């Protein structure tokens, strides 16, 4: 099963980058399932209906979220109405809107997509390690499993990947917005990359305006971050082949790495 996964979409420029580049990427790679992390799609924090619909229209099959999942109030209704929009499964409480896992049938195969959030330097959610044990027990043994692990620290991402090594097809790290150069197959067969990277402005600082970020570091005072919606676009992605021998390949499109068919 071939899966295309696109890293964190940030702001209108990120949504536009998806509209521009996702269709030709799908034409080039022919994925059976396309997953997009859209947790920063609405003004850099959360997602709303227009962004959700735009990502689907561009070719996303499943959209995952992260620590900004609840930043737009209307996301609660979106989560309850759409099983292809996932929030982290380890949010506490039995009445949390939406779902953190979906099982999609692809021809004669099944793909389970799980969205989880780390806890190191993040909000204190339920334990993602115990949560994944519970979720994996609910998934048919023949299904392929892909996890979007939305976390801050490389150590937690790597430890988690080793924890599920051999039990899932892939663990893809998101949240830190910089694509890492460590895509690999772990000893028991799980495909892993610490961070897929982001989709948005190539000229900002992790998607926000440079001046805002510099001011924060220079003054050490709170600064309102604004999405850099007028920079040059970039898209970071990961291509997976989930089979008996999993394969992983990361890619990027930006001014220094232009798209070629």
Protein backbone atom coordinates (compact mmCIF):
# COMPACT_ATOMS: atom_id res chain seq x y z
CA UNK A 1 0.00 0.00 0.00
CA UNK A 2 1.42 3.37 -1.05
CA UNK A 3 0.74 6.34 1.24
CA UNK A 4 1.61 10.00 0.75
CA UNK A 5 1.86 12.03 3.98
CA UNK A 6 2.26 15.83 3.96
CA UNK A 7 3.66 17.70 6.97
CA UNK A 8 2.04 20.49 9.01
CA UNK A 9 0.11 22.96 6.84
CA UNK A 10 0.60 26.52 8.14
CA UNK A 11 -1.78 29.34 7.17
CA UNK A 12 -3.30 30.31 3.85
CA UNK A 13 0.04 29.96 2.08
CA UNK A 14 0.25 26.37 3.26
CA UNK A 15 -3.27 25.61 2.07
CA UNK A 16 -2.39 27.16 -1.30
CA UNK A 17 0.81 25.12 -1.48
CA UNK A 18 -1.29 21.98 -1.02
CA UNK A 19 -3.64 23.11 -3.81
CA UNK A 20 -0.66 23.75 -6.09
CA UNK A 21 1.59 20.80 -5.39
CA UNK A 22 -0.53 17.94 -4.05
CA UNK A 23 -2.30 17.11 -7.34
CA UNK A 24 0.98 16.76 -9.32
CA UNK A 25 2.58 14.83 -6.45
CA UNK A 26 -0.30 12.37 -6.50
CA UNK A 27 -0.08 12.12 -10.28
CA UNK A 28 3.63 11.38 -9.98
CA UNK A 29 3.55 8.90 -7.07
CA UNK A 30 0.06 7.36 -7.39
CA UNK A 31 -0.61 6.96 -3.65
CA UNK A 32 -3.61 4.92 -2.59
CA UNK A 33 -4.11 7.09 0.49
CA UNK A 34 -3.08 10.72 1.05
CA UNK A 35 -2.81 12.12 4.58
CA UNK A 36 -2.21 15.78 5.48
CA UNK A 37 -1.48 17.25 8.91
CA UNK A 38 -3.64 20.40 8.96
CA UNK A 39 -3.36 21.53 12.57
CA UNK A 40 -1.97 24.99 11.70
CA UNK A 41 -4.05 25.59 8.58
CA UNK A 42 -6.33 28.35 9.96
CA UNK A 43 -4.22 31.46 10.57
CA UNK A 44 -1.47 29.27 11.97
CA UNK A 45 -3.51 27.75 14.81
CA UNK A 46 -6.09 25.01 14.34
CA UNK A 47 -8.41 24.36 11.42
CA UNK A 48 -11.82 25.61 10.30
CA UNK A 49 -14.30 24.43 7.70
CA UNK A 50 -12.86 26.40 4.72
CA UNK A 51 -9.36 24.97 5.24
CA UNK A 52 -10.69 21.48 5.89
CA UNK A 53 -12.68 21.54 2.66
CA UNK A 54 -9.80 23.05 0.68
CA UNK A 55 -7.39 20.29 1.78
CA UNK A 56 -9.92 17.61 0.84
CA UNK A 57 -10.59 19.29 -2.51
CA UNK A 58 -6.85 19.30 -3.26
CA UNK A 59 -6.66 15.55 -2.72
CA UNK A 60 -6.30 14.76 0.99
CA UNK A 61 -8.14 11.65 2.14
CA UNK A 62 -7.43 12.01 5.88
CA UNK A 63 -6.45 15.11 7.87
CA UNK A 64 -4.66 14.87 11.20
CA UNK A 65 -4.26 17.51 13.91
CA UNK A 66 -2.12 18.14 17.01
CA UNK A 67 -1.70 20.45 19.97
CA UNK A 68 -3.68 23.25 18.25
CA UNK A 69 -6.61 20.94 17.56
CA UNK A 70 -9.06 22.96 19.69
CA UNK A 71 -7.90 26.49 18.85
CA UNK A 72 -10.91 27.07 16.57
CA UNK A 73 -14.21 26.40 18.33
CA UNK A 74 -16.00 25.08 15.23
CA UNK A 75 -13.54 22.18 14.99
CA UNK A 76 -15.67 20.32 17.53
CA UNK A 77 -18.53 20.11 15.03
CA UNK A 78 -16.14 19.22 12.21
CA UNK A 79 -14.70 16.37 14.24
CA UNK A 80 -18.13 15.00 15.09
CA UNK A 81 -19.32 15.18 11.48
CA UNK A 82 -16.23 13.86 9.66
CA UNK A 83 -14.45 10.60 10.46
CA UNK A 84 -11.57 11.58 8.14
CA UNK A 85 -10.55 14.44 10.48
CA UNK A 86 -8.50 13.14 13.42
CA UNK A 87 -7.41 14.77 16.68
CA UNK A 88 -4.84 13.18 19.02
CA UNK A 89 -6.34 10.02 20.47
CA UNK A 90 -4.81 10.59 23.91
CA UNK A 91 -6.80 13.69 24.82
CA UNK A 92 -8.26 12.89 28.26
CA UNK A 93 -11.92 12.28 28.95
CA UNK A 94 -14.51 9.94 27.49
CA UNK A 95 -16.58 12.80 26.03
CA UNK A 96 -13.84 14.32 23.87
CA UNK A 97 -15.36 15.21 20.47
CA UNK A 98 -14.23 13.30 17.43
CA UNK A 99 -11.84 10.42 17.08
CA UNK A 100 -8.13 9.76 17.12
CA UNK A 101 -8.12 6.75 14.83
CA UNK A 102 -9.77 5.74 11.56
CA UNK A 103 -9.58 2.44 9.67
CA UNK A 104 -9.85 2.92 5.91
CA UNK A 105 -10.43 0.10 3.44
CA UNK A 106 -8.25 0.37 0.34
CA UNK A 107 -9.19 -2.24 -2.26
CA UNK A 108 -8.64 -5.52 -0.39
CA UNK A 109 -6.47 -3.99 2.33
CA UNK A 110 -7.06 -1.91 5.46
CA UNK A 111 -5.11 1.10 6.70
CA UNK A 112 -5.47 2.24 10.30
CA UNK A 113 -4.36 5.85 10.84
CA UNK A 114 -3.71 6.93 14.43
CA UNK A 115 -3.10 10.50 15.62
CA UNK A 116 -1.23 10.83 18.94
CA UNK A 117 0.42 13.69 20.81
CA UNK A 118 3.57 13.58 22.90
CA UNK A 119 3.86 14.96 26.43
CA UNK A 120 7.47 16.15 26.75
CA UNK A 121 7.38 19.98 26.74
CA UNK A 122 3.73 19.73 25.65
CA UNK A 123 0.35 19.78 27.36
CA UNK A 124 -0.07 16.94 29.90
CA UNK A 125 -2.32 14.59 27.96
CA UNK A 126 -2.90 10.91 28.64
CA UNK A 127 0.07 8.59 28.12
CA UNK A 128 0.52 8.02 24.35
CA UNK A 129 2.40 4.76 25.02
CA UNK A 130 -0.49 3.18 26.92
CA UNK A 131 -3.00 4.73 24.51
CA UNK A 132 -1.36 3.12 21.50
CA UNK A 133 -1.43 -0.28 23.23
CA UNK A 134 -5.18 0.11 23.71
CA UNK A 135 -5.77 1.21 20.11
CA UNK A 136 -3.63 -1.50 18.53
CA UNK A 137 -5.70 -4.11 20.35
CA UNK A 138 -8.74 -2.84 18.42
CA UNK A 139 -7.17 -3.09 14.96
CA UNK A 140 -7.36 -6.24 12.79
CA UNK A 141 -4.03 -8.03 12.70
CA UNK A 142 -3.93 -7.85 8.89
CA UNK A 143 -4.29 -4.05 8.73
CA UNK A 144 -1.46 -1.67 7.95
CA UNK A 145 -0.98 0.92 10.71
CA UNK A 146 0.38 4.47 10.35
CA UNK A 147 0.84 6.84 13.30
CA UNK A 148 1.17 10.62 13.15
CA UNK A 149 3.06 11.28 16.39
CA UNK A 150 2.78 15.00 17.07
CA UNK A 151 5.51 15.79 19.58
CA UNK A 152 8.14 18.35 20.56
CA UNK A 153 11.24 16.37 21.50
CA UNK A 154 13.24 14.08 19.27
CA UNK A 155 13.86 11.75 22.19
CA UNK A 156 10.16 11.13 22.83
CA UNK A 157 9.48 10.61 19.13
CA UNK A 158 12.32 8.13 18.79
CA UNK A 159 11.47 6.26 21.98
CA UNK A 160 7.86 5.96 20.89
CA UNK A 161 8.86 4.65 17.47
CA UNK A 162 11.01 1.94 19.06
CA UNK A 163 8.16 1.13 21.46
CA UNK A 164 5.86 0.22 18.56
CA UNK A 165 8.58 -1.12 16.24
CA UNK A 166 7.33 -4.25 14.54
CA UNK A 167 3.73 -3.56 15.56
CA UNK A 168 2.97 -0.74 13.10
CA UNK A 169 3.98 0.08 9.56
CA UNK A 170 5.13 3.65 10.14
CA UNK A 171 5.61 6.36 12.76
CA UNK A 172 5.82 9.85 11.28
CA UNK A 173 6.80 12.72 13.55
CA UNK A 174 5.14 16.10 13.15
CA UNK A 175 5.02 19.44 15.03
CA UNK A 176 8.57 20.82 14.90
CA UNK A 177 8.20 21.95 11.26
CA UNK A 178 11.76 21.10 10.12
CA UNK A 179 12.23 17.97 8.05
CA UNK A 180 14.79 15.66 9.63
CA UNK A 181 17.37 13.63 7.72
CA UNK A 182 16.82 10.33 9.53
CA UNK A 183 14.14 8.48 7.54
CA UNK A 184 14.83 4.80 8.15
CA UNK A 185 13.48 1.34 8.83
CA UNK A 186 13.82 0.32 12.48
CA UNK A 187 15.18 -3.14 13.39
CA UNK A 188 11.76 -4.83 13.52
CA UNK A 189 10.49 -3.24 10.31
CA UNK A 190 8.70 -0.01 11.22
CA UNK A 191 9.35 3.00 8.96
CA UNK A 192 10.24 6.12 10.95
CA UNK A 193 11.18 9.76 10.50
CA UNK A 194 11.51 12.17 13.43
CA UNK A 195 9.75 15.01 11.61
CA UNK A 196 8.20 15.22 8.16
CA UNK A 197 8.53 19.01 8.06
CA UNK A 198 6.01 21.76 7.30
CA UNK A 199 4.02 23.17 4.41
CA UNK A 200 3.87 26.96 4.26
CA UNK A 201 6.27 29.87 3.93
CA UNK A 202 9.84 29.03 2.99
CA UNK A 203 10.95 32.51 4.07
CA UNK A 204 9.47 32.56 7.59
CA UNK A 205 10.58 31.02 10.88
CA UNK A 206 8.65 27.75 11.09
CA UNK A 207 5.89 29.47 9.12
CA UNK A 208 5.65 32.77 11.01
CA UNK A 209 7.05 36.19 10.12
CA UNK A 210 10.78 36.53 10.73
CA UNK A 211 10.48 39.88 12.57
CA UNK A 212 8.05 38.40 15.11
CA UNK A 213 10.38 35.55 15.94
CA UNK A 214 13.48 37.74 16.18
CA UNK A 215 11.68 40.17 18.49
CA UNK A 216 10.73 37.34 20.82
CA UNK A 217 14.32 36.13 21.13
CA UNK A 218 15.88 39.59 21.38
CA UNK A 219 13.48 41.03 23.97
CA UNK A 220 12.50 37.81 25.81
CA UNK A 221 8.98 39.23 25.96
CA UNK A 222 5.75 37.73 24.63
CA UNK A 223 5.26 38.42 20.94
CA UNK A 224 2.23 37.91 18.75
CA UNK A 225 3.25 35.45 16.07
CA UNK A 226 1.80 36.17 12.61
CA UNK A 227 1.77 33.68 9.77
CA UNK A 228 4.05 34.65 6.89
CA UNK A 229 1.44 34.30 4.16
CA UNK A 230 3.44 36.32 1.61
CA UNK A 231 6.65 34.31 1.46
CA UNK A 232 7.71 31.75 -1.10
CA UNK A 233 5.87 28.44 -0.61
CA UNK A 234 7.26 25.08 0.39
CA UNK A 235 5.82 21.61 0.93
CA UNK A 236 7.43 18.78 2.88
CA UNK A 237 6.18 15.24 2.53
CA UNK A 238 6.87 11.57 3.05
CA UNK A 239 6.17 8.67 0.70
CA UNK A 240 5.58 5.24 2.20
CA UNK A 241 5.21 1.76 0.81
CA UNK A 242 3.65 -0.38 3.51
CA UNK A 243 4.09 -4.05 2.78
CA UNK A 244 6.04 -7.05 4.01
CA UNK A 245 9.14 -4.85 3.76
CA UNK A 246 8.21 -1.24 4.50
CA UNK A 247 9.89 1.59 2.64
CA UNK A 248 10.11 5.31 3.41
CA UNK A 249 11.24 8.29 1.37
CA UNK A 250 11.05 11.96 2.37
CA UNK A 251 10.76 14.81 -0.11
CA UNK A 252 10.43 18.56 -0.29
CA UNK A 253 9.46 21.19 -2.79
CA UNK A 254 10.77 24.72 -2.29
CA UNK A 255 12.76 27.36 -4.22
CA UNK A 256 15.98 25.42 -3.62
CA UNK A 257 14.38 22.07 -4.50
CA UNK A 258 11.91 22.76 -7.35
CA UNK A 259 9.31 20.22 -8.34
CA UNK A 260 10.18 17.87 -11.19
CA UNK A 261 8.00 15.06 -12.52
